[in-house]
Amino acid sequence: MSTFSENLKEQRQKKHLSQSELGELIGVTGVTIMRYEKGTREPKLNTIKNLANALKIPVSELIDLNSTIMTKATKRFLSGKHPEEIKLYGDTMDDIVMNSPIGPVINDYQTAKAELNSMRLEMICFCYEFLNDNDRETLYNFAQQLLENSDGYKEAVAKYGDELSDDPPATE
């Protein structure tokens, strides 16, 4: 892949924007955009995200995982000194990976996994209808145990708390 500066210039020209016009869109001067395009200055991730949004392109059209900008952002992220950047860093990584050659493979895997889980649930529901009460309870307990051990359930409990519980609310 080309460098950030080359990619930025190419994408800006594709949109028929001057350096000043692009700068106005993200709140910097045309001189700043010129410096980015010449490679004499590197923006931070939030500026790259703003550039990508202004150009209406994914971040991955400007940088890749091996760019010096991502290396610096990774070091900032790992330092733990900038927790406010965690979401931006994660979103940027997702954008780059999902728009890379392996993105469709990951997407296909996630889709296949969701379809498989859906088929498993349908099979459990189908079998449930033909079980006696004792076996239904066993199946229900097994399903509950699987659910409680899933990351999705743990995240939902952390977010929604007792609203997810089958137990009746406590009375005072």
C-alpha atoms as a PDB file:
ATOM      1  CA  MET A   1       0.000   0.000   0.000  1.00  0.00           C
ATOM      2  CA  SER A   2       1.083   3.574  -0.563  1.00  0.00           C
ATOM      3  CA  THR A   3       1.993   5.921   2.223  1.00  0.00           C
ATOM      4  CA  PHE A   4      -0.542   8.013   4.077  1.00  0.00           C
ATOM      5  CA  SER A   5       0.617  11.178   2.308  1.00  0.00           C
ATOM      6  CA  GLU A   6       0.183   9.617  -1.153  1.00  0.00           C
ATOM      7  CA  ASN A   7      -3.191   8.139  -0.226  1.00  0.00           C
ATOM      8  CA  LEU A   8      -4.476  11.418   1.178  1.00  0.00           C
ATOM      9  CA  LYS A   9      -3.478  13.355  -1.932  1.00  0.00           C
ATOM     10  CA  GLU A  10      -5.006  10.743  -4.236  1.00  0.00           C
ATOM     11  CA  GLN A  11      -8.296  10.612  -2.311  1.00  0.00           C
ATOM     12  CA  ARG A  12      -8.518  14.415  -2.070  1.00  0.00           C
ATOM     13  CA  GLN A  13      -7.962  14.763  -5.815  1.00  0.00           C
ATOM     14  CA  LYS A  14     -10.565  12.076  -6.565  1.00  0.00           C
ATOM     15  CA  LYS A  15     -13.095  14.230  -4.699  1.00  0.00           C
ATOM     16  CA  HIS A  16     -11.943  17.334  -6.632  1.00  0.00           C
ATOM     17  CA  LEU A  17     -11.111  19.200  -3.425  1.00  0.00           C
ATOM     18  CA  SER A  18      -8.319  21.699  -2.943  1.00  0.00           C
ATOM     19  CA  GLN A  19      -6.090  21.404   0.106  1.00  0.00           C
ATOM     20  CA  SER A  20      -7.817  24.461   1.589  1.00  0.00           C
ATOM     21  CA  GLU A  21     -11.289  23.011   0.980  1.00  0.00           C
ATOM     22  CA  LEU A  22     -10.386  19.731   2.658  1.00  0.00           C
ATOM     23  CA  GLY A  23      -8.776  21.630   5.518  1.00  0.00           C
ATOM     24  CA  GLU A  24     -11.952  23.643   6.043  1.00  0.00           C
ATOM     25  CA  LEU A  25     -13.995  20.436   6.226  1.00  0.00           C
ATOM     26  CA  ILE A  26     -11.967  19.179   9.191  1.00  0.00           C
ATOM     27  CA  GLY A  27     -11.023  22.486  10.825  1.00  0.00           C
ATOM     28  CA  VAL A  28      -7.374  22.821   9.791  1.00  0.00           C
ATOM     29  CA  THR A  29      -5.606  25.019   7.266  1.00  0.00           C
ATOM     30  CA  GLY A  30      -4.739  24.126   3.720  1.00  0.00           C
ATOM     31  CA  VAL A  31      -1.083  24.391   4.755  1.00  0.00           C
ATOM     32  CA  THR A  32      -1.643  21.579   7.259  1.00  0.00           C
ATOM     33  CA  ILE A  33      -3.151  19.386   4.524  1.00  0.00           C
ATOM     34  CA  MET A  34      -0.177  20.266   2.280  1.00  0.00           C
ATOM     35  CA  ARG A  35       2.216  19.149   5.042  1.00  0.00           C
ATOM     36  CA  TYR A  36       0.306  15.871   5.445  1.00  0.00           C
ATOM     37  CA  GLU A  37       0.505  15.273   1.686  1.00  0.00           C
ATOM     38  CA  LYS A  38       4.225  16.089   1.548  1.00  0.00           C
ATOM     39  CA  GLY A  39       4.870  13.785   4.490  1.00  0.00           C
ATOM     40  CA  THR A  40       6.432  16.495   6.655  1.00  0.00           C
ATOM     41  CA  ARG A  41       3.705  16.112   9.264  1.00  0.00           C
ATOM     42  CA  GLU A  42       1.682  13.100  10.454  1.00  0.00           C
ATOM     43  CA  PRO A  43      -1.777  13.512  11.952  1.00  0.00           C
ATOM     44  CA  LYS A  44      -3.126  11.638  14.952  1.00  0.00           C
ATOM     45  CA  LEU A  45      -5.827   8.992  14.541  1.00  0.00           C
ATOM     46  CA  ASN A  46      -8.709  11.334  15.311  1.00  0.00           C
ATOM     47  CA  THR A  47      -7.573  13.642  12.495  1.00  0.00           C
ATOM     48  CA  ILE A  48      -7.313  10.695  10.099  1.00  0.00           C
ATOM     49  CA  LYS A  49     -10.830   9.643  11.085  1.00  0.00           C
ATOM     50  CA  ASN A  50     -12.014  13.207  10.399  1.00  0.00           C
ATOM     51  CA  LEU A  51     -10.234  13.194   7.026  1.00  0.00           C
ATOM     52  CA  ALA A  52     -11.812   9.871   6.083  1.00  0.00           C
ATOM     53  CA  ASN A  53     -15.256  11.146   7.109  1.00  0.00           C
ATOM     54  CA  ALA A  54     -14.793  14.361   5.123  1.00  0.00           C
ATOM     55  CA  LEU A  55     -13.697  12.363   2.066  1.00  0.00           C
ATOM     56  CA  LYS A  56     -16.501   9.825   2.659  1.00  0.00           C
ATOM     57  CA  ILE A  57     -14.102   6.869   2.582  1.00  0.00           C
ATOM     58  CA  PRO A  58     -13.046   4.198   5.092  1.00  0.00           C
ATOM     59  CA  VAL A  59      -9.941   4.954   7.163  1.00  0.00           C
ATOM     60  CA  SER A  60      -8.313   1.970   5.466  1.00  0.00           C
ATOM     61  CA  GLU A  61      -8.137   4.017   2.231  1.00  0.00           C
ATOM     62  CA  LEU A  62      -5.681   6.316   4.014  1.00  0.00           C
ATOM     63  CA  ILE A  63      -3.648   4.029   6.305  1.00  0.00           C
ATOM     64  CA  ASP A  64      -3.018   0.346   6.911  1.00  0.00           C
ATOM     65  CA  LEU A  65      -1.932  -1.628   9.969  1.00  0.00           C
ATOM     66  CA  ASN A  66       1.751  -1.210   9.112  1.00  0.00           C
ATOM     67  CA  SER A  67       1.692   2.585   8.795  1.00  0.00           C
ATOM     68  CA  THR A  68       3.862   4.623  11.131  1.00  0.00           C
ATOM     69  CA  ILE A  69       0.683   6.374  12.268  1.00  0.00           C
ATOM     70  CA  MET A  70      -0.798   3.061  13.467  1.00  0.00           C
ATOM     71  CA  THR A  71       2.506   2.140  15.116  1.00  0.00           C
ATOM     72  CA  LYS A  72       2.455   5.410  17.077  1.00  0.00           C
ATOM     73  CA  ALA A  73      -1.253   5.017  17.895  1.00  0.00           C
ATOM     74  CA  THR A  74      -0.625   1.466  19.119  1.00  0.00           C
ATOM     75  CA  LYS A  75       2.158   2.686  21.403  1.00  0.00           C
ATOM     76  CA  ARG A  76      -0.163   5.410  22.775  1.00  0.00           C
ATOM     77  CA  PHE A  77      -2.908   2.830  23.270  1.00  0.00           C
ATOM     78  CA  LEU A  78      -0.630   0.336  25.026  1.00  0.00           C
ATOM     79  CA  SER A  79       0.799   3.032  27.301  1.00  0.00           C
ATOM     80  CA  GLY A  80      -2.613   3.273  28.976  1.00  0.00           C
ATOM     81  CA  LYS A  81      -2.159   7.035  29.324  1.00  0.00           C
ATOM     82  CA  HIS A  82      -4.951   7.889  26.899  1.00  0.00           C
ATOM     83  CA  PRO A  83      -8.051   5.869  27.862  1.00  0.00           C
ATOM     84  CA  GLU A  84     -10.264   8.371  26.033  1.00  0.00           C
ATOM     85  CA  GLU A  85      -8.794   7.074  22.761  1.00  0.00           C
ATOM     86  CA  ILE A  86      -9.724   3.405  23.281  1.00  0.00           C
ATOM     87  CA  LYS A  87     -12.938   3.551  21.242  1.00  0.00           C
ATOM     88  CA  LEU A  88     -11.299   5.530  18.430  1.00  0.00           C
ATOM     89  CA  TYR A  89      -8.375   3.104  18.331  1.00  0.00           C
ATOM     90  CA  GLY A  90     -10.687   0.074  18.307  1.00  0.00           C
ATOM     91  CA  ASP A  91     -12.945   1.557  15.621  1.00  0.00           C
ATOM     92  CA  THR A  92      -9.916   2.390  13.476  1.00  0.00           C
ATOM     93  CA  MET A  93      -8.496  -1.120  13.847  1.00  0.00           C
ATOM     94  CA  ASP A  94     -11.893  -2.613  12.945  1.00  0.00           C
ATOM     95  CA  ASP A  95     -12.135  -0.383   9.866  1.00  0.00           C
ATOM     96  CA  ILE A  96      -8.651  -1.302   8.663  1.00  0.00           C
ATOM     97  CA  VAL A  97      -9.031  -5.039   9.276  1.00  0.00           C
ATOM     98  CA  MET A  98     -12.563  -5.348   7.875  1.00  0.00           C
ATOM     99  CA  ASN A  99     -11.548  -3.444   4.721  1.00  0.00           C
ATOM    100  CA  SER A 100      -8.374  -5.506   4.273  1.00  0.00           C
ATOM    101  CA  PRO A 101      -8.172  -8.701   2.190  1.00  0.00           C
ATOM    102  CA  ILE A 102      -9.049 -10.785   5.271  1.00  0.00           C
ATOM    103  CA  GLY A 103     -12.145  -8.675   6.059  1.00  0.00           C
ATOM    104  CA  PRO A 104     -14.530 -10.742   3.901  1.00  0.00           C
ATOM    105  CA  VAL A 105     -13.179 -13.951   5.439  1.00  0.00           C
ATOM    106  CA  ILE A 106     -13.862 -12.635   8.943  1.00  0.00           C
ATOM    107  CA  ASN A 107     -17.310 -11.476   7.884  1.00  0.00           C
ATOM    108  CA  ASP A 108     -18.097 -14.871   6.300  1.00  0.00           C
ATOM    109  CA  TYR A 109     -16.932 -16.635   9.475  1.00  0.00           C
ATOM    110  CA  GLN A 110     -19.089 -14.426  11.695  1.00  0.00           C
ATOM    111  CA  THR A 111     -22.099 -14.969   9.432  1.00  0.00           C
ATOM    112  CA  ALA A 112     -21.572 -18.741   9.355  1.00  0.00           C
ATOM    113  CA  LYS A 113     -21.184 -18.853  13.143  1.00  0.00           C
ATOM    114  CA  ALA A 114     -24.428 -16.886  13.617  1.00  0.00           C
ATOM    115  CA  GLU A 115     -26.267 -19.200  11.192  1.00  0.00           C
ATOM    116  CA  LEU A 116     -24.933 -22.285  12.985  1.00  0.00           C
ATOM    117  CA  ASN A 117     -26.035 -20.927  16.359  1.00  0.00           C
ATOM    118  CA  SER A 118     -29.468 -20.196  14.911  1.00  0.00           C
ATOM    119  CA  MET A 119     -29.763 -23.771  13.611  1.00  0.00           C
ATOM    120  CA  ARG A 120     -28.678 -25.109  17.002  1.00  0.00           C
ATOM    121  CA  LEU A 121     -31.376 -23.066  18.712  1.00  0.00           C
ATOM    122  CA  GLU A 122     -34.009 -24.290  16.250  1.00  0.00           C
ATOM    123  CA  MET A 123     -32.961 -27.898  16.924  1.00  0.00           C
ATOM    124  CA  ILE A 124     -33.142 -27.374  20.695  1.00  0.00           C
ATOM    125  CA  CYS A 125     -36.625 -25.858  20.368  1.00  0.00           C
ATOM    126  CA  PHE A 126     -37.744 -28.695  18.104  1.00  0.00           C
ATOM    127  CA  CYS A 127     -36.451 -31.354  20.510  1.00  0.00           C
ATOM    128  CA  TYR A 128     -37.936 -29.554  23.512  1.00  0.00           C
ATOM    129  CA  GLU A 129     -41.451 -30.182  22.181  1.00  0.00           C
ATOM    130  CA  PHE A 130     -40.978 -33.962  22.330  1.00  0.00           C
ATOM    131  CA  LEU A 131     -39.424 -34.240  25.778  1.00  0.00           C
ATOM    132  CA  ASN A 132     -41.131 -35.161  29.008  1.00  0.00           C
ATOM    133  CA  ASP A 133     -41.174 -32.628  31.843  1.00  0.00           C
ATOM    134  CA  ASN A 134     -38.063 -33.997  33.549  1.00  0.00           C
ATOM    135  CA  ASP A 135     -36.010 -33.976  30.318  1.00  0.00           C
ATOM    136  CA  ARG A 136     -37.321 -30.497  29.461  1.00  0.00           C
ATOM    137  CA  GLU A 137     -36.027 -29.228  32.777  1.00  0.00           C
ATOM    138  CA  THR A 138     -32.640 -30.885  32.150  1.00  0.00           C
ATOM    139  CA  LEU A 139     -32.436 -29.288  28.692  1.00  0.00           C
ATOM    140  CA  TYR A 140     -33.529 -25.921  30.064  1.00  0.00           C
ATOM    141  CA  ASN A 141     -30.856 -26.034  32.790  1.00  0.00           C
ATOM    142  CA  PHE A 142     -28.194 -27.012  30.248  1.00  0.00           C
ATOM    143  CA  ALA A 143     -29.206 -24.158  27.930  1.00  0.00           C
ATOM    144  CA  GLN A 144     -29.218 -21.718  30.858  1.00  0.00           C
ATOM    145  CA  GLN A 145     -25.725 -22.838  31.842  1.00  0.00           C
ATOM    146  CA  LEU A 146     -24.457 -22.333  28.267  1.00  0.00           C
ATOM    147  CA  LEU A 147     -26.045 -18.913  28.135  1.00  0.00           C
ATOM    148  CA  GLU A 148     -24.592 -17.796  31.436  1.00  0.00           C
ATOM    149  CA  ASN A 149     -21.104 -18.827  30.290  1.00  0.00           C
ATOM    150  CA  SER A 150     -21.338 -16.876  27.022  1.00  0.00           C
ATOM    151  CA  ASP A 151     -19.558 -13.551  26.653  1.00  0.00           C
ATOM    152  CA  GLY A 152     -22.683 -11.963  25.169  1.00  0.00           C
ATOM    153  CA  TYR A 153     -24.733 -12.844  28.240  1.00  0.00           C
ATOM    154  CA  LYS A 154     -22.054 -11.541  30.592  1.00  0.00           C
ATOM    155  CA  GLU A 155     -21.940  -8.256  28.657  1.00  0.00           C
ATOM    156  CA  ALA A 156     -25.739  -7.978  28.743  1.00  0.00           C
ATOM    157  CA  VAL A 157     -25.838  -8.637  32.503  1.00  0.00           C
ATOM    158  CA  ALA A 158     -23.163  -6.005  33.031  1.00  0.00           C
ATOM    159  CA  LYS A 159     -25.194  -3.542  30.956  1.00  0.00           C
ATOM    160  CA  TYR A 160     -28.765  -4.383  32.041  1.00  0.00           C
ATOM    161  CA  GLY A 161     -28.253  -6.087  35.385  1.00  0.00           C
ATOM    162  CA  ASP A 162     -31.183  -7.859  37.017  1.00  0.00           C
ATOM    163  CA  GLU A 163     -33.579  -7.025  34.162  1.00  0.00           C
ATOM    164  CA  LEU A 164     -32.320 -10.199  32.417  1.00  0.00           C
ATOM    165  CA  SER A 165     -32.991 -12.507  35.316  1.00  0.00           C
ATOM    166  CA  ASP A 166     -35.782 -15.108  35.276  1.00  0.00           C
ATOM    167  CA  ASP A 167     -36.056 -14.675  39.034  1.00  0.00           C
ATOM    168  CA  PRO A 168     -38.906 -12.561  40.354  1.00  0.00           C
ATOM    169  CA  PRO A 169     -37.796  -9.125  41.599  1.00  0.00           C
ATOM    170  CA  ALA A 170     -36.953  -8.942  45.268  1.00  0.00           C
ATOM    171  CA  THR A 171     -39.619  -7.424  47.483  1.00  0.00           C
ATOM    172  CA  GLU A 172     -38.867  -5.250  50.437  1.00  0.00           C
END
